PDB file of N, CA and C in Angstrom:
ATOM      1  N   MET A   1     -53.836 136.108 117.968  1.00  0.00           N
ATOM      2  CA  MET A   1     -55.121 135.395 117.823  1.00  0.00           C
ATOM      3  C   MET A   1     -54.985 134.328 116.775  1.00  0.00           C
ATOM      4  N   HIS A   2     -55.524 133.295 117.131  1.00  0.00           N
ATOM      5  CA  HIS A   2     -55.455 132.019 116.158  1.00  0.00           C
ATOM      6  C   HIS A   2     -56.642 132.158 115.253  1.00  0.00           C
ATOM      7  N   ILE A   3     -56.524 131.534 114.097  1.00  0.00           N
ATOM      8  CA  ILE A   3     -57.569 131.544 113.142  1.00  0.00           C
ATOM      9  C   ILE A   3     -58.780 130.988 113.735  1.00  0.00           C
ATOM     10  N   ARG A   4     -58.732 129.899 114.513  1.00  0.00           N
ATOM     11  CA  ARG A   4     -60.047 129.367 115.064  1.00  0.00           C
ATOM     12  C   ARG A   4     -60.670 130.411 115.980  1.00  0.00           C
ATOM     13  N   GLU A   5     -59.849 131.098 116.825  1.00  0.00           N
ATOM     14  CA  GLU A   5     -60.380 132.073 117.716  1.00  0.00           C
ATOM     15  C   GLU A   5     -61.072 133.324 116.988  1.00  0.00           C
ATOM     16  N   PHE A   6     -60.504 133.634 115.864  1.00  0.00           N
ATOM     17  CA  PHE A   6     -61.113 134.694 114.988  1.00  0.00           C
ATOM     18  C   PHE A   6     -62.341 134.208 114.299  1.00  0.00           C
ATOM     19  N   GLN A   7     -62.343 132.988 113.872  1.00  0.00           N
ATOM     20  CA  GLN A   7     -63.555 132.371 113.394  1.00  0.00           C
ATOM     21  C   GLN A   7     -64.716 132.228 114.401  1.00  0.00           C
ATOM     22  N   GLN A   8     -64.327 131.960 115.613  1.00  0.00           N
ATOM     23  CA  GLN A   8     -65.361 131.895 116.703  1.00  0.00           C
ATOM     24  C   GLN A   8     -65.879 133.284 117.003  1.00  0.00           C
ATOM     25  N   LEU A   9     -64.965 134.271 117.027  1.00  0.00           N
ATOM     26  CA  LEU A   9     -65.407 135.564 117.309  1.00  0.00           C
ATOM     27  C   LEU A   9     -66.379 136.234 116.206  1.00  0.00           C
ATOM     28  N   ILE A  10     -66.034 135.915 114.942  1.00  0.00           N
ATOM     29  CA  ILE A  10     -66.922 136.333 113.930  1.00  0.00           C
ATOM     30  C   ILE A  10     -68.322 135.570 114.017  1.00  0.00           C
ATOM     31  N   ASP A  11     -68.280 134.331 114.322  1.00  0.00           N
ATOM     32  CA  ASP A  11     -69.445 133.586 114.597  1.00  0.00           C
ATOM     33  C   ASP A  11     -70.324 134.180 115.643  1.00  0.00           C
ATOM     34  N   ARG A  12     -69.707 134.449 116.773  1.00  0.00           N
ATOM     35  CA  ARG A  12     -70.524 135.045 117.902  1.00  0.00           C
ATOM     36  C   ARG A  12     -71.137 136.397 117.549  1.00  0.00           C
ATOM     37  N   MET A  13     -70.347 137.204 116.743  1.00  0.00           N
ATOM     38  CA  MET A  13     -70.908 138.532 116.423  1.00  0.00           C
ATOM     39  C   MET A  13     -72.102 138.518 115.332  1.00  0.00           C
ATOM     40  N   TYR A  14     -71.878 137.581 114.422  1.00  0.00           N
ATOM     41  CA  TYR A  14     -72.745 137.634 113.205  1.00  0.00           C
ATOM     42  C   TYR A  14     -73.543 136.409 112.741  1.00  0.00           C
ATOM     43  N   SER A  15     -73.363 135.296 113.593  1.00  0.00           N
ATOM     44  CA  SER A  15     -73.821 134.047 113.055  1.00  0.00           C
ATOM     45  C   SER A  15     -75.354 134.045 112.733  1.00  0.00           C
ATOM     46  N   ASP A  16     -76.183 134.744 113.472  1.00  0.00           N
ATOM     47  CA  ASP A  16     -77.677 134.674 113.111  1.00  0.00           C
ATOM     48  C   ASP A  16     -77.885 135.299 111.804  1.00  0.00           C
ATOM     49  N   LYS A  17     -77.396 136.576 111.623  1.00  0.00           N
ATOM     50  CA  LYS A  17     -77.464 137.191 110.290  1.00  0.00           C
ATOM     51  C   LYS A  17     -76.883 136.466 109.178  1.00  0.00           C
ATOM     52  N   ASP A  18     -75.594 135.870 109.392  1.00  0.00           N
ATOM     53  CA  ASP A  18     -75.002 135.215 108.301  1.00  0.00           C
ATOM     54  C   ASP A  18     -75.732 134.047 107.869  1.00  0.00           C
ATOM     55  N   ARG A  19     -76.283 133.188 108.765  1.00  0.00           N
ATOM     56  CA  ARG A  19     -76.919 132.002 108.378  1.00  0.00           C
ATOM     57  C   ARG A  19     -78.246 132.283 107.745  1.00  0.00           C
ATOM     58  N   ALA A  20     -78.923 133.318 108.224  1.00  0.00           N
ATOM     59  CA  ALA A  20     -80.143 133.812 107.541  1.00  0.00           C
ATOM     60  C   ALA A  20     -79.884 134.242 106.130  1.00  0.00           C
ATOM     61  N   ARG A  21     -78.762 134.882 105.850  1.00  0.00           N
ATOM     62  CA  ARG A  21     -78.380 135.415 104.541  1.00  0.00           C
ATOM     63  C   ARG A  21     -78.078 134.224 103.579  1.00  0.00           C
ATOM     64  N   GLY A  22     -77.437 133.196 104.128  1.00  0.00           N
ATOM     65  CA  GLY A  22     -77.109 131.994 103.353  1.00  0.00           C
ATOM     66  C   GLY A  22     -75.803 132.116 102.528  1.00  0.00           C
ATOM     67  N   SER A  23     -75.423 131.063 102.037  1.00  0.00           N
ATOM     68  CA  SER A  23     -74.066 131.020 101.328  1.00  0.00           C
ATOM     69  C   SER A  23     -74.009 131.842 100.173  1.00  0.00           C
ATOM     70  N   ALA A  24     -74.955 131.801  99.292  1.00  0.00           N
ATOM     71  CA  ALA A  24     -74.917 132.523  98.025  1.00  0.00           C
ATOM     72  C   ALA A  24     -74.749 134.019  98.211  1.00  0.00           C
ATOM     73  N   LYS A  25     -75.612 134.649  99.090  1.00  0.00           N
ATOM     74  CA  LYS A  25     -75.529 135.994  99.302  1.00  0.00           C
ATOM     75  C   LYS A  25     -74.278 136.522 100.024  1.00  0.00           C
ATOM     76  N   THR A  26     -73.814 135.535 100.939  1.00  0.00           N
ATOM     77  CA  THR A  26     -72.678 135.701 101.662  1.00  0.00           C
ATOM     78  C   THR A  26     -71.409 135.821 100.726  1.00  0.00           C
ATOM     79  N   PHE A  27     -71.405 134.930  99.764  1.00  0.00           N
ATOM     80  CA  PHE A  27     -70.335 134.892  98.816  1.00  0.00           C
ATOM     81  C   PHE A  27     -70.336 136.143  97.989  1.00  0.00           C
ATOM     82  N   LEU A  28     -71.447 136.664  97.695  1.00  0.00           N
ATOM     83  CA  LEU A  28     -71.475 137.945  97.001  1.00  0.00           C
ATOM     84  C   LEU A  28     -70.882 139.067  97.824  1.00  0.00           C
ATOM     85  N   TRP A  29     -71.163 139.067  99.063  1.00  0.00           N
ATOM     86  CA  TRP A  29     -70.529 140.134  99.845  1.00  0.00           C
ATOM     87  C   TRP A  29     -68.944 139.956  99.991  1.00  0.00           C
ATOM     88  N   PHE A  30     -68.507 138.639  99.943  1.00  0.00           N
ATOM     89  CA  PHE A  30     -67.143 138.295  99.981  1.00  0.00           C
ATOM     90  C   PHE A  30     -66.494 138.870  98.664  1.00  0.00           C
ATOM     91  N   ALA A  31     -67.212 138.545  97.592  1.00  0.00           N
ATOM     92  CA  ALA A  31     -66.639 138.936  96.236  1.00  0.00           C
ATOM     93  C   ALA A  31     -66.551 140.488  96.258  1.00  0.00           C
ATOM     94  N   GLU A  32     -67.501 141.160  96.716  1.00  0.00           N
ATOM     95  CA  GLU A  32     -67.484 142.617  96.756  1.00  0.00           C
ATOM     96  C   GLU A  32     -66.213 143.164  97.442  1.00  0.00           C
ATOM     97  N   GLU A  33     -65.956 142.551  98.582  1.00  0.00           N
ATOM     98  CA  GLU A  33     -64.768 142.971  99.430  1.00  0.00           C
ATOM     99  C   GLU A  33     -63.540 142.581  98.690  1.00  0.00           C
ATOM    100  N   VAL A  34     -63.400 141.515  97.964  1.00  0.00           N
ATOM    101  CA  VAL A  34     -62.243 141.188  97.168  1.00  0.00           C
ATOM    102  C   VAL A  34     -62.121 142.248  96.064  1.00  0.00           C
ATOM    103  N   GLY A  35     -63.149 142.723  95.469  1.00  0.00           N
ATOM    104  CA  GLY A  35     -63.096 143.839  94.517  1.00  0.00           C
ATOM    105  C   GLY A  35     -62.607 145.113  95.118  1.00  0.00           C
ATOM    106  N   GLU A  36     -63.093 145.487  96.321  1.00  0.00           N
ATOM    107  CA  GLU A  36     -62.530 146.554  97.007  1.00  0.00           C
ATOM    108  C   GLU A  36     -61.080 146.488  97.335  1.00  0.00           C
ATOM    109  N   LEU A  37     -60.690 145.359  97.703  1.00  0.00           N
ATOM    110  CA  LEU A  37     -59.118 145.106  97.893  1.00  0.00           C
ATOM    111  C   LEU A  37     -58.452 145.252  96.556  1.00  0.00           C
ATOM    112  N   ALA A  38     -58.925 144.795  95.633  1.00  0.00           N
ATOM    113  CA  ALA A  38     -58.222 144.878  94.232  1.00  0.00           C
ATOM    114  C   ALA A  38     -58.145 146.375  93.881  1.00  0.00           C
ATOM    115  N   SER A  39     -59.160 147.082  94.162  1.00  0.00           N
ATOM    116  CA  SER A  39     -59.088 148.551  93.881  1.00  0.00           C
ATOM    117  C   SER A  39     -58.204 149.294  94.626  1.00  0.00           C
ATOM    118  N   ALA A  40     -58.060 148.784  95.980  1.00  0.00           N
ATOM    119  CA  ALA A  40     -57.115 149.461  96.885  1.00  0.00           C
ATOM    120  C   ALA A  40     -55.611 149.248  96.564  1.00  0.00           C
ATOM    121  N   ILE A  41     -55.446 147.936  96.071  1.00  0.00           N
ATOM    122  CA  ILE A  41     -54.038 147.559  95.582  1.00  0.00           C
ATOM    123  C   ILE A  41     -53.718 148.319  94.405  1.00  0.00           C
ATOM    124  N   ALA A  42     -54.642 148.369  93.351  1.00  0.00           N
ATOM    125  CA  ALA A  42     -54.417 149.075  92.014  1.00  0.00           C
ATOM    126  C   ALA A  42     -54.248 150.565  92.314  1.00  0.00           C
ATOM    127  N   GLY A  43     -55.077 151.183  93.177  1.00  0.00           N
ATOM    128  CA  GLY A  43     -55.061 152.573  93.322  1.00  0.00           C
ATOM    129  C   GLY A  43     -53.986 153.031  94.298  1.00  0.00           C
ATOM    130  N   LYS A  44     -53.064 152.102  94.802  1.00  0.00           N
ATOM    131  CA  LYS A  44     -52.189 152.490  95.784  1.00  0.00           C
ATOM    132  C   LYS A  44     -52.646 153.442  96.861  1.00  0.00           C
ATOM    133  N   THR A  45     -53.745 153.025  97.454  1.00  0.00           N
ATOM    134  CA  THR A  45     -54.374 153.902  98.559  1.00  0.00           C
ATOM    135  C   THR A  45     -53.388 153.830  99.809  1.00  0.00           C
ATOM    136  N   ASP A  46     -53.804 154.671 100.698  1.00  0.00           N
ATOM    137  CA  ASP A  46     -53.029 154.715 101.854  1.00  0.00           C
ATOM    138  C   ASP A  46     -52.994 153.455 102.606  1.00  0.00           C
ATOM    139  N   ARG A  47     -51.968 153.202 103.454  1.00  0.00           N
ATOM    140  CA  ARG A  47     -51.812 151.989 104.196  1.00  0.00           C
ATOM    141  C   ARG A  47     -52.946 151.520 105.050  1.00  0.00           C
ATOM    142  N   ALA A  48     -53.513 152.510 105.670  1.00  0.00           N
ATOM    143  CA  ALA A  48     -54.659 152.282 106.621  1.00  0.00           C
ATOM    144  C   ALA A  48     -55.935 151.627 105.821  1.00  0.00           C
ATOM    145  N   ASN A  49     -56.166 152.146 104.644  1.00  0.00           N
ATOM    146  CA  ASN A  49     -57.232 151.663 103.836  1.00  0.00           C
ATOM    147  C   ASN A  49     -56.869 150.309 103.322  1.00  0.00           C
ATOM    148  N   LEU A  50     -55.594 150.042 102.921  1.00  0.00           N
ATOM    149  CA  LEU A  50     -55.218 148.713 102.386  1.00  0.00           C
ATOM    150  C   LEU A  50     -55.384 147.743 103.515  1.00  0.00           C
ATOM    151  N   GLU A  51     -54.920 147.957 104.743  1.00  0.00           N
ATOM    152  CA  GLU A  51     -55.113 147.048 105.839  1.00  0.00           C
ATOM    153  C   GLU A  51     -56.605 146.770 106.148  1.00  0.00           C
ATOM    154  N   GLU A  52     -57.480 147.860 106.028  1.00  0.00           N
ATOM    155  CA  GLU A  52     -58.818 147.571 106.182  1.00  0.00           C
ATOM    156  C   GLU A  52     -59.475 146.715 105.190  1.00  0.00           C
ATOM    157  N   GLU A  53     -59.065 146.833 104.029  1.00  0.00           N
ATOM    158  CA  GLU A  53     -59.689 145.974 102.915  1.00  0.00           C
ATOM    159  C   GLU A  53     -59.155 144.518 103.006  1.00  0.00           C
ATOM    160  N   PHE A  54     -57.971 144.371 103.527  1.00  0.00           N
ATOM    161  CA  PHE A  54     -57.399 142.901 103.739  1.00  0.00           C
ATOM    162  C   PHE A  54     -58.215 142.360 104.900  1.00  0.00           C
ATOM    163  N   ALA A  55     -58.445 143.211 105.988  1.00  0.00           N
ATOM    164  CA  ALA A  55     -59.191 142.657 107.135  1.00  0.00           C
ATOM    165  C   ALA A  55     -60.608 142.326 106.681  1.00  0.00           C
ATOM    166  N   ASP A  56     -61.294 143.170 105.846  1.00  0.00           N
ATOM    167  CA  ASP A  56     -62.714 142.856 105.397  1.00  0.00           C
ATOM    168  C   ASP A  56     -62.683 141.555 104.598  1.00  0.00           C
ATOM    169  N   VAL A  57     -61.769 141.362 103.716  1.00  0.00           N
ATOM    170  CA  VAL A  57     -61.697 140.165 103.021  1.00  0.00           C
ATOM    171  C   VAL A  57     -61.636 138.877 103.846  1.00  0.00           C
ATOM    172  N   LEU A  58     -60.702 138.954 104.758  1.00  0.00           N
ATOM    173  CA  LEU A  58     -60.486 137.865 105.782  1.00  0.00           C
ATOM    174  C   LEU A  58     -61.791 137.669 106.439  1.00  0.00           C
ATOM    175  N   ALA A  59     -62.537 138.747 107.020  1.00  0.00           N
ATOM    176  CA  ALA A  59     -63.609 138.542 107.764  1.00  0.00           C
ATOM    177  C   ALA A  59     -64.720 137.844 107.064  1.00  0.00           C
ATOM    178  N   TRP A  60     -64.900 138.224 105.717  1.00  0.00           N
ATOM    179  CA  TRP A  60     -66.000 137.723 104.975  1.00  0.00           C
ATOM    180  C   TRP A  60     -65.659 136.327 104.510  1.00  0.00           C
ATOM    181  N   LEU A  61     -64.464 135.914 104.340  1.00  0.00           N
ATOM    182  CA  LEU A  61     -63.968 134.510 104.090  1.00  0.00           C
ATOM    183  C   LEU A  61     -64.419 133.726 105.230  1.00  0.00           C
ATOM    184  N   VAL A  62     -64.014 134.236 106.451  1.00  0.00           N
ATOM    185  CA  VAL A  62     -64.358 133.476 107.814  1.00  0.00           C
ATOM    186  C   VAL A  62     -65.883 133.273 107.778  1.00  0.00           C
ATOM    187  N   THR A  63     -66.592 134.375 107.592  1.00  0.00           N
ATOM    188  CA  THR A  63     -68.034 134.341 107.548  1.00  0.00           C
ATOM    189  C   THR A  63     -68.628 133.314 106.571  1.00  0.00           C
ATOM    190  N   LEU A  64     -68.079 133.213 105.465  1.00  0.00           N
ATOM    191  CA  LEU A  64     -68.591 132.147 104.448  1.00  0.00           C
ATOM    192  C   LEU A  64     -68.190 130.784 104.989  1.00  0.00           C
ATOM    193  N   ALA A  65     -67.005 130.623 105.549  1.00  0.00           N
ATOM    194  CA  ALA A  65     -66.677 129.310 106.239  1.00  0.00           C
ATOM    195  C   ALA A  65     -67.699 128.979 107.329  1.00  0.00           C
ATOM    196  N   ASN A  66     -67.907 129.932 108.143  1.00  0.00           N
ATOM    197  CA  ASN A  66     -68.970 129.714 109.140  1.00  0.00           C
ATOM    198  C   ASN A  66     -70.205 129.296 108.647  1.00  0.00           C
ATOM    199  N   VAL A  67     -70.699 129.837 107.685  1.00  0.00           N
ATOM    200  CA  VAL A  67     -72.070 129.561 106.987  1.00  0.00           C
ATOM    201  C   VAL A  67     -71.950 128.083 106.504  1.00  0.00           C
ATOM    202  N   GLU A  68     -70.815 127.767 105.943  1.00  0.00           N
ATOM    203  CA  GLU A  68     -70.719 126.360 105.334  1.00  0.00           C
ATOM    204  C   GLU A  68     -70.224 125.336 106.382  1.00  0.00           C
ATOM    205  N   GLY A  69     -69.956 125.779 107.524  1.00  0.00           N
ATOM    206  CA  GLY A  69     -69.554 124.784 108.533  1.00  0.00           C
ATOM    207  C   GLY A  69     -68.080 124.256 108.416  1.00  0.00           C
ATOM    208  N   VAL A  70     -67.319 125.145 107.905  1.00  0.00           N
ATOM    209  CA  VAL A  70     -65.919 124.713 107.629  1.00  0.00           C
ATOM    210  C   VAL A  70     -64.978 125.328 108.716  1.00  0.00           C
ATOM    211  N   ASP A  71     -64.189 124.559 109.354  1.00  0.00           N
ATOM    212  CA  ASP A  71     -63.153 124.965 110.389  1.00  0.00           C
ATOM    213  C   ASP A  71     -61.907 125.323 109.479  1.00  0.00           C
ATOM    214  N   LEU A  72     -61.711 126.629 109.358  1.00  0.00           N
ATOM    215  CA  LEU A  72     -60.577 127.007 108.599  1.00  0.00           C
ATOM    216  C   LEU A  72     -59.190 126.624 109.121  1.00  0.00           C
ATOM    217  N   GLU A  73     -59.068 126.652 110.372  1.00  0.00           N
ATOM    218  CA  GLU A  73     -57.763 126.159 110.952  1.00  0.00           C
ATOM    219  C   GLU A  73     -57.423 124.758 110.590  1.00  0.00           C
ATOM    220  N   ARG A  74     -58.482 123.907 110.733  1.00  0.00           N
ATOM    221  CA  ARG A  74     -58.204 122.419 110.302  1.00  0.00           C
ATOM    222  C   ARG A  74     -58.024 122.383 108.805  1.00  0.00           C
ATOM    223  N   ALA A  75     -58.818 123.108 108.051  1.00  0.00           N
ATOM    224  CA  ALA A  75     -58.700 123.091 106.604  1.00  0.00           C
ATOM    225  C   ALA A  75     -57.242 123.425 106.142  1.00  0.00           C
ATOM    226  N   LEU A  76     -56.601 124.429 106.825  1.00  0.00           N
ATOM    227  CA  LEU A  76     -55.345 124.798 106.371  1.00  0.00           C
ATOM    228  C   LEU A  76     -54.280 123.908 106.745  1.00  0.00           C
ATOM    229  N   THR A  77     -54.551 122.816 107.414  1.00  0.00           N
ATOM    230  CA  THR A  77     -53.476 121.785 107.670  1.00  0.00           C
ATOM    231  C   THR A  77     -52.867 121.211 106.473  1.00  0.00           C
ATOM    232  N   LYS A  78     -53.594 121.453 105.369  1.00  0.00           N
ATOM    233  CA  LYS A  78     -53.114 120.799 103.946  1.00  0.00           C
ATOM    234  C   LYS A  78     -51.777 121.415 103.625  1.00  0.00           C
ATOM    235  N   PHE A  79     -51.488 122.540 104.220  1.00  0.00           N
ATOM    236  CA  PHE A  79     -50.365 123.262 103.897  1.00  0.00           C
ATOM    237  C   PHE A  79     -49.132 122.991 104.891  1.00  0.00           C
ATOM    238  N   THR A  80     -49.364 122.296 105.964  1.00  0.00           N
ATOM    239  CA  THR A  80     -48.305 122.167 106.963  1.00  0.00           C
ATOM    240  C   THR A  80     -47.169 121.327 106.447  1.00  0.00           C
ATOM    241  N   GLY A  81     -47.465 120.455 105.533  1.00  0.00           N
ATOM    242  CA  GLY A  81     -46.332 119.524 104.935  1.00  0.00           C
ATOM    243  C   GLY A  81     -45.690 120.148 103.788  1.00  0.00           C
ATOM    244  N   GLY A  82     -46.007 121.252 103.337  1.00  0.00           N
ATOM    245  CA  GLY A  82     -45.370 121.888 102.171  1.00  0.00           C
ATOM    246  C   GLY A  82     -46.466 122.215 101.204  1.00  0.00           C
ATOM    247  N   CYS A  83     -46.075 122.593 100.078  1.00  0.00           N
ATOM    248  CA  CYS A  83     -46.918 122.945  98.931  1.00  0.00           C
ATOM    249  C   CYS A  83     -47.782 121.636  98.582  1.00  0.00           C
ATOM    250  N   PRO A  84     -49.146 121.829  98.540  1.00  0.00           N
ATOM    251  CA  PRO A  84     -49.906 120.701  98.131  1.00  0.00           C
ATOM    252  C   PRO A  84     -49.677 120.235  96.709  1.00  0.00           C
ATOM    253  N   GLY A  85     -49.027 121.038  95.926  1.00  0.00           N
ATOM    254  CA  GLY A  85     -48.693 120.623  94.523  1.00  0.00           C
ATOM    255  C   GLY A  85     -47.392 119.719  94.386  1.00  0.00           C
ATOM    256  N   CYS A  86     -46.329 120.367  94.930  1.00  0.00           N
ATOM    257  CA  CYS A  86     -45.042 119.751  94.905  1.00  0.00           C
ATOM    258  C   CYS A  86     -44.558 119.109  96.130  1.00  0.00           C
ATOM    259  N   GLY A  87     -45.153 119.461  97.285  1.00  0.00           N
ATOM    260  CA  GLY A  87     -44.751 118.915  98.538  1.00  0.00           C
ATOM    261  C   GLY A  87     -43.500 119.581  99.169  1.00  0.00           C
ATOM    262  N   GLU A  88     -43.011 120.603  98.516  1.00  0.00           N
ATOM    263  CA  GLU A  88     -41.871 121.352  99.044  1.00  0.00           C
ATOM    264  C   GLU A  88     -42.245 122.468  99.924  1.00  0.00           C
ATOM    265  N   ILE A  89     -41.405 122.787 100.969  1.00  0.00           N
ATOM    266  CA  ILE A  89     -41.716 123.922 101.814  1.00  0.00           C
ATOM    267  C   ILE A  89     -41.564 125.240 101.009  1.00  0.00           C
ATOM    268  N   VAL A  90     -40.502 125.289 100.135  1.00  0.00           N
ATOM    269  CA  VAL A  90     -40.397 126.363  99.208  1.00  0.00           C
ATOM    270  C   VAL A  90     -41.026 125.876  97.805  1.00  0.00           C
ATOM    271  N   CYS A  91     -42.148 126.330  97.384  1.00  0.00           N
ATOM    272  CA  CYS A  91     -42.822 125.788  96.179  1.00  0.00           C
ATOM    273  C   CYS A  91     -41.954 125.834  95.008  1.00  0.00           C
ATOM    274  N   ARG A  92     -41.922 124.739  94.295  1.00  0.00           N
ATOM    275  CA  ARG A  92     -41.105 124.530  92.984  1.00  0.00           C
ATOM    276  C   ARG A  92     -42.045 124.458  91.733  1.00  0.00           C
ATOM    277  N   CYS A  93     -43.363 124.578  92.091  1.00  0.00           N
ATOM    278  CA  CYS A  93     -44.417 124.371  91.095  1.00  0.00           C
ATOM    279  C   CYS A  93     -44.200 125.575  89.924  1.00  0.00           C
ATOM    280  N   THR A  94     -44.395 125.236  88.650  1.00  0.00           N
ATOM    281  CA  THR A  94     -44.315 126.275  87.647  1.00  0.00           C
ATOM    282  C   THR A  94     -45.751 126.820  87.319  1.00  0.00           C
ATOM    283  N   ALA A  95     -46.798 125.991  87.701  1.00  0.00           N
ATOM    284  CA  ALA A  95     -48.134 126.622  87.338  1.00  0.00           C
ATOM    285  C   ALA A  95     -48.466 127.879  88.130  1.00  0.00           C
ATOM    286  N   LYS A  96     -49.407 128.562  87.676  1.00  0.00           N
ATOM    287  CA  LYS A  96     -49.838 129.847  88.305  1.00  0.00           C
ATOM    288  C   LYS A  96     -48.840 130.913  88.438  1.00  0.00           C
ATOM    289  N   MET A  97     -47.872 130.868  87.600  1.00  0.00           N
ATOM    290  CA  MET A  97     -46.838 131.935  87.703  1.00  0.00           C
ATOM    291  C   MET A  97     -47.322 133.277  87.171  1.00  0.00           C
ATOM    292  N   THR A  98     -48.367 133.353  86.413  1.00  0.00           N
ATOM    293  CA  THR A  98     -48.809 134.604  85.845  1.00  0.00           C
ATOM    294  C   THR A  98     -50.210 134.997  86.402  1.00  0.00           C
TER     295      THR A  98
END
């Protein structure tokens, strides 16, 4: 499945609820899912739970993009030429190392 297809699927399933909720509240749900993923990583939970938390984070990110009208597949083209910082396919940037 391509990113655009997944984004359209999420939009079909949830768009009315998501747009009614709005960006701010949707972002809070996204942040909560990121927290659950962090807990799953820190707690070294089982693989199935870890995969579920990654999927939830991605789904809520896509939801937020839908509410904001952002085409994620198009937005991600900024990475097709390499790292946006240094321009290399294998990043040579020293920032954000910790």
